[in-house]
Amino acid sequence: MTLPRLPVSVPPVSALSAAAVGTIIGFGGTVALVVQAGHVLGASPDQIVSMVTALCLGIGVPGILLS
């Protein structure tokens, strides 16, 4: 016995664009804070790049694992 397929609905464009804008704004704000904190702490440019890389991995890896 096979189960009937449920229709798959695509979210409206407004929902997708709102999610994209929210993600970009949230991520951009966080990057700005991390870079500013690096400057205040006297970090070198290489250290700031490392901090931003850690931030990207810290946001991206759980996002991939949870999706």
N, C-alpha and C. Protein backbone atom coordinates (compact mmCIF):
# COMPACT_ATOMS: atom_id res chain seq x y z
N MET A 1 0.83 -1.17 0.00
CA MET A 1 0.00 0.00 0.00
C MET A 1 0.89 1.25 0.00
N THR A 2 0.60 2.16 -0.87
CA THR A 2 1.37 3.40 -0.93
C THR A 2 0.53 4.55 -0.39
N LEU A 3 1.23 5.44 0.25
CA LEU A 3 0.56 6.61 0.79
C LEU A 3 0.39 7.66 -0.31
N PRO A 4 -0.72 8.39 -0.27
CA PRO A 4 -0.89 9.43 -1.28
C PRO A 4 0.11 10.56 -1.06
N ARG A 5 0.54 11.18 -2.15
CA ARG A 5 1.47 12.30 -2.06
C ARG A 5 0.73 13.56 -1.66
N LEU A 6 1.32 14.27 -0.74
CA LEU A 6 0.76 15.55 -0.34
C LEU A 6 1.31 16.62 -1.27
N PRO A 7 0.49 17.59 -1.62
CA PRO A 7 0.99 18.65 -2.49
C PRO A 7 2.04 19.49 -1.77
N VAL A 8 3.09 19.81 -2.49
CA VAL A 8 4.17 20.63 -1.95
C VAL A 8 3.92 22.06 -2.37
N SER A 9 3.84 22.93 -1.39
CA SER A 9 3.60 24.33 -1.74
C SER A 9 4.89 25.12 -1.57
N VAL A 10 5.09 26.05 -2.47
CA VAL A 10 6.25 26.92 -2.42
C VAL A 10 5.85 28.19 -1.68
N PRO A 11 6.68 28.63 -0.74
CA PRO A 11 6.34 29.86 -0.02
C PRO A 11 6.25 31.03 -1.00
N PRO A 12 5.46 32.03 -0.66
CA PRO A 12 5.35 33.18 -1.54
C PRO A 12 6.67 33.95 -1.64
N VAL A 13 6.82 34.67 -2.72
CA VAL A 13 8.05 35.42 -2.95
C VAL A 13 8.30 36.42 -1.82
N SER A 14 7.25 37.01 -1.29
CA SER A 14 7.43 37.98 -0.21
C SER A 14 8.06 37.33 1.03
N ALA A 15 7.70 36.09 1.31
CA ALA A 15 8.29 35.39 2.46
C ALA A 15 9.76 35.10 2.21
N LEU A 16 10.08 34.68 0.99
CA LEU A 16 11.47 34.39 0.67
C LEU A 16 12.33 35.65 0.68
N SER A 17 11.79 36.75 0.15
CA SER A 17 12.57 37.98 0.14
C SER A 17 12.73 38.53 1.56
N ALA A 18 11.71 38.40 2.40
CA ALA A 18 11.82 38.84 3.78
C ALA A 18 12.86 38.03 4.53
N ALA A 19 12.90 36.73 4.27
CA ALA A 19 13.91 35.88 4.91
C ALA A 19 15.32 36.27 4.46
N ALA A 20 15.47 36.55 3.16
CA ALA A 20 16.78 36.93 2.64
C ALA A 20 17.24 38.25 3.23
N VAL A 21 16.35 39.24 3.28
CA VAL A 21 16.72 40.55 3.83
C VAL A 21 17.05 40.41 5.32
N GLY A 22 16.27 39.66 6.06
CA GLY A 22 16.55 39.46 7.48
C GLY A 22 17.88 38.78 7.72
N THR A 23 18.19 37.81 6.89
CA THR A 23 19.46 37.10 7.03
C THR A 23 20.64 38.01 6.73
N ILE A 24 20.53 38.77 5.65
CA ILE A 24 21.63 39.67 5.27
C ILE A 24 21.84 40.75 6.32
N ILE A 25 20.76 41.35 6.79
CA ILE A 25 20.86 42.41 7.81
C ILE A 25 21.44 41.84 9.11
N GLY A 26 20.93 40.70 9.55
CA GLY A 26 21.42 40.08 10.78
C GLY A 26 22.87 39.68 10.70
N PHE A 27 23.26 39.07 9.60
CA PHE A 27 24.64 38.64 9.44
C PHE A 27 25.57 39.84 9.30
N GLY A 28 25.15 40.82 8.51
CA GLY A 28 25.99 42.01 8.31
C GLY A 28 26.22 42.77 9.61
N GLY A 29 25.19 42.87 10.42
CA GLY A 29 25.34 43.54 11.70
C GLY A 29 26.28 42.81 12.63
N THR A 30 26.21 41.50 12.61
CA THR A 30 27.08 40.69 13.46
C THR A 30 28.53 40.80 13.00
N VAL A 31 28.74 40.78 11.69
CA VAL A 31 30.11 40.93 11.17
C VAL A 31 30.68 42.28 11.57
N ALA A 32 29.86 43.33 11.47
CA ALA A 32 30.33 44.67 11.85
C ALA A 32 30.73 44.71 13.32
N LEU A 33 29.95 44.07 14.17
CA LEU A 33 30.29 44.03 15.60
C LEU A 33 31.59 43.28 15.86
N VAL A 34 31.77 42.16 15.17
CA VAL A 34 32.98 41.37 15.37
C VAL A 34 34.21 42.14 14.89
N VAL A 35 34.10 42.79 13.74
CA VAL A 35 35.23 43.56 13.23
C VAL A 35 35.55 44.73 14.16
N GLN A 36 34.53 45.43 14.63
CA GLN A 36 34.75 46.54 15.56
C GLN A 36 35.37 46.05 16.86
N ALA A 37 34.90 44.93 17.38
CA ALA A 37 35.48 44.37 18.60
C ALA A 37 36.95 44.02 18.38
N GLY A 38 37.27 43.49 17.21
CA GLY A 38 38.67 43.18 16.90
C GLY A 38 39.53 44.42 16.90
N HIS A 39 39.02 45.50 16.33
CA HIS A 39 39.78 46.75 16.33
C HIS A 39 39.98 47.29 17.74
N VAL A 40 38.93 47.24 18.54
CA VAL A 40 39.02 47.74 19.91
C VAL A 40 40.03 46.92 20.72
N LEU A 41 40.06 45.63 20.49
CA LEU A 41 40.98 44.76 21.22
C LEU A 41 42.41 44.83 20.69
N GLY A 42 42.60 45.54 19.57
CA GLY A 42 43.94 45.68 19.02
C GLY A 42 44.37 44.48 18.20
N ALA A 43 43.43 43.77 17.65
CA ALA A 43 43.75 42.58 16.85
C ALA A 43 44.35 42.99 15.50
N SER A 44 45.21 42.14 14.99
CA SER A 44 45.78 42.38 13.67
C SER A 44 44.73 42.03 12.61
N PRO A 45 44.93 42.51 11.37
CA PRO A 45 43.98 42.17 10.31
C PRO A 45 43.81 40.65 10.13
N ASP A 46 44.89 39.90 10.28
CA ASP A 46 44.78 38.44 10.16
C ASP A 46 43.91 37.86 11.27
N GLN A 47 44.03 38.39 12.46
CA GLN A 47 43.21 37.92 13.57
C GLN A 47 41.74 38.27 13.36
N ILE A 48 41.48 39.45 12.80
CA ILE A 48 40.10 39.84 12.53
C ILE A 48 39.49 38.94 11.47
N VAL A 49 40.27 38.62 10.44
CA VAL A 49 39.79 37.68 9.42
C VAL A 49 39.48 36.34 10.04
N SER A 50 40.31 35.90 10.97
CA SER A 50 40.07 34.64 11.66
C SER A 50 38.79 34.71 12.49
N MET A 51 38.54 35.84 13.12
CA MET A 51 37.32 36.01 13.92
C MET A 51 36.08 35.95 13.02
N VAL A 52 36.15 36.61 11.87
CA VAL A 52 35.01 36.60 10.95
C VAL A 52 34.82 35.20 10.38
N THR A 53 35.90 34.50 10.10
CA THR A 53 35.80 33.12 9.61
C THR A 53 35.14 32.22 10.65
N ALA A 54 35.53 32.38 11.90
CA ALA A 54 34.91 31.59 12.98
C ALA A 54 33.43 31.92 13.09
N LEU A 55 33.08 33.19 12.92
CA LEU A 55 31.68 33.59 12.95
C LEU A 55 30.90 32.92 11.81
N CYS A 56 31.48 32.95 10.61
CA CYS A 56 30.81 32.33 9.46
C CYS A 56 30.61 30.83 9.68
N LEU A 57 31.62 30.17 10.18
CA LEU A 57 31.49 28.74 10.45
C LEU A 57 30.49 28.48 11.57
N GLY A 58 30.52 29.35 12.59
CA GLY A 58 29.60 29.19 13.70
C GLY A 58 28.14 29.39 13.32
N ILE A 59 27.90 30.20 12.30
CA ILE A 59 26.54 30.40 11.81
C ILE A 59 26.19 29.37 10.75
N GLY A 60 27.13 29.09 9.85
CA GLY A 60 26.85 28.25 8.70
C GLY A 60 26.72 26.77 9.00
N VAL A 61 27.62 26.22 9.79
CA VAL A 61 27.61 24.78 10.05
C VAL A 61 26.32 24.34 10.76
N PRO A 62 25.90 25.01 11.83
CA PRO A 62 24.62 24.60 12.44
C PRO A 62 23.44 24.78 11.49
N GLY A 63 23.49 25.83 10.67
CA GLY A 63 22.42 26.03 9.70
C GLY A 63 22.32 24.88 8.72
N ILE A 64 23.47 24.40 8.27
CA ILE A 64 23.48 23.26 7.34
C ILE A 64 22.99 22.01 8.05
N LEU A 65 23.47 21.79 9.27
CA LEU A 65 23.09 20.59 10.00
C LEU A 65 21.60 20.57 10.37
N LEU A 66 21.04 21.74 10.64
CA LEU A 66 19.64 21.79 11.06
C LEU A 66 18.65 21.88 9.90
N SER A 67 19.16 22.08 8.69
CA SER A 67 18.22 22.19 7.57
C SER A 67 18.06 20.88 6.83
